[in-house]
Amino acid sequence: MTDSKTALITGITGQDGSYLAELLLSKGYEVHGVVRRASLFNTDRIDHIYADPHVESRLRLHYGDLSDAGALRNLLDEIHPDEVYNLGAQSHVKVSFEQPEYTVDVTAVGVIRLLESIRNYHKHGGKPVRFYQAGSSEMFGSAKPRQFEDTRFEPRSPYACAKVYAHYQVINHRESYGLFACNGILFNHESPRRGETFVTRKITRAATRIKLGLQEKLFLGNLDAKRDWGFAGDYVEAMWRMLQQDQPDDYVVATGASISIRDFLQLVFEKLDLDWQQCVEVDPRYFRPAEVDHLEGDPAKARRILGWEPRIDVRTLAVMMVDSDLRLAQRELVLKNAGHGQADRGGYR
């Protein structure tokens, strides 16, 4: 248990934000999360830890946006956090090609807004804040594996370019203004909470629906792309450990092993006693304009300095995700049999 601290998390309603909130609450933190205003609630991933704001709770949510510098500064003045974790972004690579300007505004410029808010908060008497920036293995792009902290960035998407910008702004603020600011260069990390448009979850969700007769086909893009896949619940611990060090630094977080999308399909469909080749079709619409062929990280520095090790490998991860999505598909089948049908999901990205 740590001494009582306060943390602010942008992107708390996302996969990583939910696991990080759980971790920090377990360590006795008071946790504040930033959520974007919408007409519908989008708190599914944290509903199990979120209490009614009218009762005593160590988890609080605040409306805000990385496009609004004034709101970010106001949150710092209100919350007085010890740690800020920036997990907010437009994080879908394929979508970034279709919405490059929005992606850059939130994923890149949003980081400078947050860094400047922290710097001004310090300048006007605020207590020291430790800052974590969620980087991405996509920044390495076409660089040859294995990639580590000193590997040259070769981004291949608007999303990756935006993350590279954010990465160097963190370093600049650290070196220019003395901020305790860290970059975590996280390789692909998945879980049952992963969004359904990301390829691993798209596969497990579709495969379980196919198993129960709710769907016939799954359409995918490049099956030969290789990725280093780990468990999101493991990776948020590395984020936390970065901010507990004596000195700020940048770290690759990865398992050190990679498999292709084709191999992941095999793991998932084997678990369900299905032949993926009978169910999966390649659709050119799902290819990126610029492909990233092979990402595989070297986590030696995180292992050596942070004492961090991934606990769940990709095979265990696939089983975990299949089991979770099978329960969802079974509930969906019950609803369908009761007359509440749902459209086929095969074309989802």
Protein backbone atom coordinates (compact mmCIF):
# COMPACT_ATOMS: atom_id res chain seq x y z
CA MET A 1 0.00 0.00 0.00
CA THR A 2 1.34 3.43 -0.91
CA ASP A 3 0.84 6.65 1.04
CA SER A 4 -2.42 8.24 -0.06
CA LYS A 5 -1.97 9.92 -3.44
CA THR A 6 -4.23 11.52 -6.01
CA ALA A 7 -4.11 10.57 -9.69
CA LEU A 8 -5.77 12.07 -12.75
CA ILE A 9 -6.39 9.77 -15.73
CA THR A 10 -7.41 10.97 -19.19
CA GLY A 11 -9.05 8.20 -21.19
CA ILE A 12 -10.27 6.49 -18.01
CA THR A 13 -13.25 4.92 -19.82
CA GLY A 14 -10.95 3.10 -22.25
CA GLN A 15 -9.40 -0.33 -21.83
CA ASP A 16 -6.17 0.89 -20.24
CA GLY A 17 -7.86 3.56 -18.17
CA SER A 18 -10.16 1.03 -16.53
CA TYR A 19 -7.33 -1.34 -15.59
CA LEU A 20 -5.17 1.53 -14.35
CA ALA A 21 -8.01 2.91 -12.22
CA GLU A 22 -8.45 -0.53 -10.65
CA LEU A 23 -4.73 -0.76 -9.92
CA LEU A 24 -4.48 2.70 -8.37
CA LEU A 25 -7.59 2.20 -6.24
CA SER A 26 -6.10 -1.06 -4.96
CA LYS A 27 -3.04 0.94 -3.88
CA GLY A 28 -5.10 3.45 -1.92
CA TYR A 29 -5.13 6.30 -4.44
CA GLU A 30 -7.90 8.80 -4.92
CA VAL A 31 -8.57 8.57 -8.65
CA HIS A 32 -10.06 11.22 -10.91
CA GLY A 33 -10.95 10.49 -14.51
CA VAL A 34 -11.58 12.77 -17.48
CA VAL A 35 -14.54 11.84 -19.69
CA ARG A 36 -15.84 13.58 -22.80
CA ARG A 37 -19.38 14.89 -22.71
CA ALA A 38 -21.77 12.76 -24.78
CA SER A 39 -25.49 12.14 -24.93
CA LEU A 40 -24.93 8.48 -23.98
CA PHE A 41 -23.02 7.04 -21.02
CA ASN A 42 -19.73 5.42 -22.01
CA THR A 43 -18.58 4.11 -18.65
CA ASP A 44 -19.15 0.38 -19.17
CA ARG A 45 -15.54 -0.55 -18.42
CA ILE A 46 -15.50 1.22 -15.05
CA ASP A 47 -19.10 0.76 -13.87
CA HIS A 48 -17.96 -2.00 -11.51
CA ILE A 49 -15.69 0.42 -9.60
CA TYR A 50 -17.65 3.64 -10.00
CA ALA A 51 -19.95 4.67 -7.16
CA ASP A 52 -22.75 7.21 -7.13
CA PRO A 53 -21.06 10.65 -6.81
CA HIS A 54 -23.46 11.50 -3.98
CA VAL A 55 -21.79 8.90 -1.75
CA GLU A 56 -18.21 8.70 -0.52
CA SER A 57 -15.97 7.34 -3.28
CA ARG A 58 -12.28 7.37 -4.19
CA LEU A 59 -13.15 7.46 -7.91
CA ARG A 60 -14.51 10.66 -9.39
CA LEU A 61 -15.27 11.57 -13.00
CA HIS A 62 -15.01 15.02 -14.58
CA TYR A 63 -16.04 16.30 -17.98
CA GLY A 64 -13.09 17.46 -20.03
CA ASP A 65 -11.32 17.10 -23.35
CA LEU A 66 -7.74 17.17 -24.60
CA SER A 67 -8.82 19.81 -27.10
CA ASP A 68 -9.68 22.25 -24.26
CA ALA A 69 -6.56 23.64 -22.55
CA GLY A 70 -8.52 25.81 -20.14
CA ALA A 71 -10.55 22.89 -18.84
CA LEU A 72 -7.38 20.84 -18.32
CA ARG A 73 -5.77 23.60 -16.25
CA ASN A 74 -8.96 24.03 -14.21
CA LEU A 75 -8.94 20.33 -13.41
CA LEU A 76 -5.38 20.55 -12.07
CA ASP A 77 -6.37 23.48 -9.84
CA GLU A 78 -9.39 21.56 -8.57
CA ILE A 79 -7.84 18.12 -8.07
CA HIS A 80 -4.19 18.88 -7.16
CA PRO A 81 -2.98 15.51 -8.47
CA ASP A 82 0.30 13.85 -7.57
CA GLU A 83 0.29 11.90 -10.84
CA VAL A 84 -1.29 12.46 -14.26
CA TYR A 85 -1.66 9.58 -16.71
CA ASN A 86 -2.47 10.67 -20.25
CA LEU A 87 -4.20 7.71 -21.89
CA GLY A 88 -6.64 9.80 -23.94
CA ALA A 89 -6.27 9.74 -27.73
CA GLN A 90 -7.91 8.94 -31.03
CA SER A 91 -6.21 5.56 -30.95
CA HIS A 92 -7.53 3.65 -33.96
CA VAL A 93 -4.82 3.52 -36.64
CA LYS A 94 -7.15 2.92 -39.60
CA VAL A 95 -9.46 5.73 -38.50
CA SER A 96 -6.48 8.09 -38.28
CA PHE A 97 -6.10 7.88 -42.06
CA GLU A 98 -9.72 8.96 -42.43
CA GLN A 99 -9.59 11.65 -39.72
CA PRO A 100 -5.96 12.81 -39.68
CA GLU A 101 -6.61 16.38 -38.52
CA TYR A 102 -8.75 15.32 -35.58
CA THR A 103 -6.27 12.58 -34.68
CA VAL A 104 -3.36 15.03 -34.60
CA ASP A 105 -5.31 17.62 -32.61
CA VAL A 106 -6.19 15.19 -29.82
CA THR A 107 -3.31 12.71 -29.89
CA ALA A 108 -0.45 15.17 -30.50
CA VAL A 109 -1.49 18.75 -29.71
CA GLY A 110 -3.60 17.50 -26.79
CA VAL A 111 -0.40 16.37 -25.11
CA ILE A 112 1.26 19.79 -25.39
CA ARG A 113 -1.92 21.31 -23.92
CA LEU A 114 -1.69 18.97 -20.95
CA LEU A 115 2.07 19.47 -20.49
CA GLU A 116 1.67 23.24 -20.61
CA SER A 117 -1.19 23.04 -18.11
CA ILE A 118 1.06 21.14 -15.73
CA ARG A 119 3.95 23.56 -16.28
CA ASN A 120 1.75 26.58 -15.57
CA TYR A 121 0.25 24.83 -12.56
CA HIS A 122 3.80 24.39 -11.17
CA LYS A 123 4.73 27.96 -12.06
CA HIS A 124 1.84 29.35 -10.03
CA GLY A 125 2.55 27.34 -6.91
CA GLY A 126 0.99 23.97 -7.62
CA LYS A 127 2.64 20.92 -6.09
CA PRO A 128 4.97 18.76 -8.23
CA VAL A 129 3.12 16.49 -10.64
CA ARG A 130 4.49 13.32 -12.21
CA PHE A 131 3.31 12.79 -15.77
CA TYR A 132 2.92 9.62 -17.85
CA GLN A 133 2.42 9.74 -21.62
CA ALA A 134 1.00 6.68 -23.39
CA GLY A 135 3.20 6.12 -26.41
CA SER A 136 2.74 3.35 -28.94
CA SER A 137 4.78 0.76 -30.77
CA GLU A 138 3.18 2.16 -33.95
CA MET A 139 5.76 4.95 -33.67
CA PHE A 140 8.41 2.43 -34.80
CA GLY A 141 6.42 1.72 -37.96
CA SER A 142 8.68 0.17 -40.59
CA ALA A 143 11.74 -0.09 -38.31
CA LYS A 144 13.12 -3.61 -38.18
CA PRO A 145 12.39 -5.66 -35.05
CA ARG A 146 13.26 -6.04 -32.28
CA GLN A 147 12.53 -2.44 -31.38
CA PHE A 148 13.82 -0.84 -28.18
CA GLU A 149 14.06 2.66 -26.69
CA ASP A 150 16.80 3.85 -29.06
CA THR A 151 15.31 2.38 -32.24
CA ARG A 152 14.65 5.10 -34.81
CA PHE A 153 10.99 5.99 -35.22
CA GLU A 154 9.59 5.35 -38.71
CA PRO A 155 5.85 6.12 -38.33
CA ARG A 156 3.44 4.89 -41.01
CA SER A 157 0.13 6.52 -40.08
CA PRO A 158 -1.25 9.86 -38.88
CA TYR A 159 -1.80 8.22 -35.49
CA ALA A 160 1.84 7.13 -35.26
CA CYS A 161 3.09 10.55 -36.40
CA ALA A 162 0.97 12.20 -33.71
CA LYS A 163 2.38 9.87 -31.05
CA VAL A 164 5.95 10.62 -32.16
CA TYR A 165 5.26 14.35 -31.79
CA ALA A 166 3.86 13.78 -28.30
CA HIS A 167 6.86 11.62 -27.36
CA TYR A 168 9.37 14.34 -28.19
CA GLN A 169 7.30 17.05 -26.51
CA VAL A 170 7.41 15.03 -23.30
CA ILE A 171 11.20 14.79 -23.57
CA ASN A 172 11.43 18.52 -24.35
CA HIS A 173 9.38 19.51 -21.31
CA ARG A 174 11.37 17.14 -19.14
CA GLU A 175 14.70 18.56 -20.26
CA SER A 176 13.65 22.21 -20.61
CA TYR A 177 11.46 22.67 -17.55
CA GLY A 178 12.45 19.82 -15.24
CA LEU A 179 9.08 18.10 -15.32
CA PHE A 180 8.94 14.53 -14.07
CA ALA A 181 7.57 13.23 -17.36
CA CYS A 182 7.84 9.69 -18.74
CA ASN A 183 7.01 8.05 -22.05
CA GLY A 184 5.76 4.48 -22.05
CA ILE A 185 6.22 2.97 -25.51
CA LEU A 186 3.65 0.22 -25.18
CA PHE A 187 3.38 -2.56 -27.69
CA ASN A 188 -0.03 -4.05 -28.46
CA HIS A 189 -1.91 -4.92 -25.29
CA GLU A 190 -5.32 -6.53 -25.32
CA SER A 191 -8.02 -7.83 -22.99
CA PRO A 192 -11.71 -8.70 -22.89
CA ARG A 193 -12.25 -4.93 -22.53
CA ARG A 194 -10.59 -4.13 -25.87
CA GLY A 195 -12.79 -2.23 -28.30
CA GLU A 196 -14.53 -4.43 -30.85
CA THR A 197 -12.99 -2.60 -33.81
CA PHE A 198 -9.43 -3.62 -32.81
CA VAL A 199 -8.30 -6.76 -34.58
CA THR A 200 -7.84 -9.16 -31.63
CA ARG A 201 -11.22 -8.35 -30.13
CA LYS A 202 -12.84 -8.30 -33.55
CA ILE A 203 -11.55 -11.86 -34.01
CA THR A 204 -12.65 -13.21 -30.61
CA ARG A 205 -16.03 -11.50 -30.80
CA ALA A 206 -16.74 -12.80 -34.30
CA ALA A 207 -15.40 -16.32 -33.65
CA THR A 208 -17.65 -16.84 -30.63
CA ARG A 209 -20.66 -15.53 -32.55
CA ILE A 210 -19.83 -17.87 -35.45
CA LYS A 211 -19.60 -20.76 -32.98
CA LEU A 212 -23.16 -20.07 -31.82
CA GLY A 213 -24.58 -19.45 -35.30
CA LEU A 214 -25.02 -15.70 -34.80
CA GLN A 215 -22.62 -14.79 -37.60
CA GLU A 216 -21.30 -16.53 -40.72
CA LYS A 217 -18.18 -14.67 -41.83
CA LEU A 218 -15.38 -12.49 -40.49
CA PHE A 219 -13.76 -9.97 -42.83
CA LEU A 220 -10.18 -8.86 -42.13
CA GLY A 221 -7.31 -7.09 -43.84
CA ASN A 222 -3.61 -8.03 -43.73
CA LEU A 223 -3.30 -11.45 -42.07
CA ASP A 224 0.51 -11.49 -42.28
CA ALA A 225 1.13 -8.49 -40.01
CA LYS A 226 3.01 -9.55 -36.88
CA ARG A 227 2.49 -7.98 -33.48
CA ASP A 228 3.83 -8.31 -29.94
CA TRP A 229 0.62 -8.87 -27.95
CA GLY A 230 0.39 -8.68 -24.17
CA PHE A 231 -2.30 -8.23 -21.52
CA ALA A 232 -3.44 -4.68 -20.74
CA GLY A 233 -3.76 -5.48 -17.04
CA ASP A 234 -0.03 -6.23 -16.93
CA TYR A 235 0.94 -3.13 -18.88
CA VAL A 236 -0.77 -0.59 -16.61
CA GLU A 237 1.47 -1.77 -13.77
CA ALA A 238 4.48 -0.72 -15.86
CA MET A 239 2.90 2.73 -16.25
CA TRP A 240 2.57 3.08 -12.50
CA ARG A 241 6.10 1.83 -11.86
CA MET A 242 7.55 4.48 -14.18
CA LEU A 243 6.15 7.24 -11.98
CA GLN A 244 7.55 5.67 -8.79
CA GLN A 245 11.20 5.94 -9.91
CA ASP A 246 13.70 8.50 -8.65
CA GLN A 247 14.27 9.85 -12.16
CA PRO A 248 11.92 10.16 -15.16
CA ASP A 249 12.75 8.16 -18.27
CA ASP A 250 11.26 6.41 -21.30
CA TYR A 251 10.54 2.68 -21.48
CA VAL A 252 9.46 0.05 -24.01
CA VAL A 253 6.78 -2.23 -22.55
CA ALA A 254 6.36 -5.49 -24.46
CA THR A 255 6.44 -9.27 -24.12
CA GLY A 256 9.42 -9.71 -26.45
CA ALA A 257 7.55 -12.20 -28.67
CA SER A 258 5.36 -11.71 -31.73
CA ILE A 259 2.93 -13.70 -33.83
CA SER A 260 0.95 -12.91 -36.97
CA ILE A 261 -2.74 -12.15 -37.17
CA ARG A 262 -3.03 -15.46 -38.98
CA ASP A 263 -1.49 -17.20 -35.95
CA PHE A 264 -3.85 -15.39 -33.58
CA LEU A 265 -6.78 -16.56 -35.69
CA GLN A 266 -5.50 -20.11 -35.32
CA LEU A 267 -5.29 -19.82 -31.51
CA VAL A 268 -8.82 -18.43 -31.23
CA PHE A 269 -10.60 -20.75 -33.66
CA GLU A 270 -8.81 -23.84 -32.32
CA LYS A 271 -10.12 -23.00 -28.85
CA LEU A 272 -13.64 -23.10 -30.32
CA ASP A 273 -13.03 -26.23 -32.47
CA LEU A 274 -13.52 -24.22 -35.66
CA ASP A 275 -11.53 -23.93 -38.88
CA TRP A 276 -10.82 -20.24 -39.37
CA GLN A 277 -10.11 -20.72 -43.07
CA GLN A 278 -13.76 -21.66 -43.58
CA CYS A 279 -14.98 -18.51 -41.84
CA VAL A 280 -12.53 -15.69 -42.61
CA GLU A 281 -12.30 -13.66 -45.80
CA VAL A 282 -9.76 -10.97 -46.68
CA ASP A 283 -11.32 -7.65 -47.61
CA PRO A 284 -8.97 -5.09 -49.23
CA ARG A 285 -10.95 -2.27 -47.63
CA TYR A 286 -9.34 -3.18 -44.32
CA PHE A 287 -5.76 -2.78 -45.53
CA ARG A 288 -4.00 0.39 -44.38
CA PRO A 289 -2.66 2.83 -46.98
CA ALA A 290 0.78 2.20 -45.41
CA GLU A 291 1.20 -1.16 -43.68
CA VAL A 292 3.31 -1.93 -40.61
CA ASP A 293 4.61 -5.45 -41.08
CA HIS A 294 6.34 -6.48 -37.86
CA LEU A 295 6.43 -4.99 -34.37
CA GLU A 296 8.27 -6.85 -31.62
CA GLY A 297 9.59 -5.07 -28.54
CA ASP A 298 12.63 -5.54 -26.34
CA PRO A 299 11.50 -4.88 -22.74
CA ALA A 300 14.97 -5.38 -21.20
CA LYS A 301 15.15 -1.85 -19.78
CA ALA A 302 11.72 -2.10 -18.13
CA ARG A 303 12.70 -5.47 -16.71
CA ARG A 304 16.03 -4.17 -15.39
CA ILE A 305 14.98 -0.80 -13.96
CA LEU A 306 11.27 -1.17 -13.21
CA GLY A 307 11.39 -4.83 -12.21
CA TRP A 308 8.44 -5.37 -14.54
CA GLU A 309 7.59 -8.67 -16.22
CA PRO A 310 4.54 -9.62 -18.31
CA ARG A 311 2.57 -12.35 -16.56
CA ILE A 312 0.17 -13.40 -19.34
CA ASP A 313 1.35 -14.64 -22.73
CA VAL A 314 -0.58 -14.37 -25.98
CA ARG A 315 -1.97 -17.92 -25.83
CA THR A 316 -3.42 -17.34 -22.36
CA LEU A 317 -4.66 -13.95 -23.48
CA ALA A 318 -6.50 -15.47 -26.45
CA VAL A 319 -8.22 -18.00 -24.18
CA MET A 320 -9.20 -15.25 -21.73
CA MET A 321 -10.74 -13.17 -24.50
CA VAL A 322 -12.55 -16.13 -26.08
CA ASP A 323 -14.06 -17.17 -22.74
CA SER A 324 -15.32 -13.64 -22.10
CA ASP A 325 -16.75 -13.16 -25.59
CA LEU A 326 -18.35 -16.59 -25.54
CA ARG A 327 -20.36 -15.50 -22.50
CA LEU A 328 -21.41 -12.37 -24.39
CA ALA A 329 -22.43 -14.43 -27.42
CA GLN A 330 -24.43 -16.82 -25.24
CA ARG A 331 -26.36 -13.90 -23.75
CA GLU A 332 -26.90 -12.52 -27.24
CA LEU A 333 -28.27 -15.89 -28.37
CA VAL A 334 -30.73 -15.94 -25.48
CA LEU A 335 -31.95 -12.47 -26.47
CA LYS A 336 -32.24 -13.48 -30.11
CA ASN A 337 -34.24 -16.57 -29.22
CA ALA A 338 -36.50 -14.33 -27.15
CA GLY A 339 -37.18 -12.20 -30.23
CA HIS A 340 -34.56 -9.49 -29.72
CA GLY A 341 -32.41 -9.98 -32.82
CA GLN A 342 -29.16 -8.18 -33.66
CA ALA A 343 -27.49 -7.38 -36.98
CA ASP A 344 -24.56 -9.41 -38.26
CA ARG A 345 -21.22 -7.93 -37.13
CA GLY A 346 -18.99 -9.43 -39.81
CA GLY A 347 -18.22 -6.15 -41.52
CA TYR A 348 -17.10 -4.27 -38.42
CA ARG A 349 -13.55 -2.97 -38.54
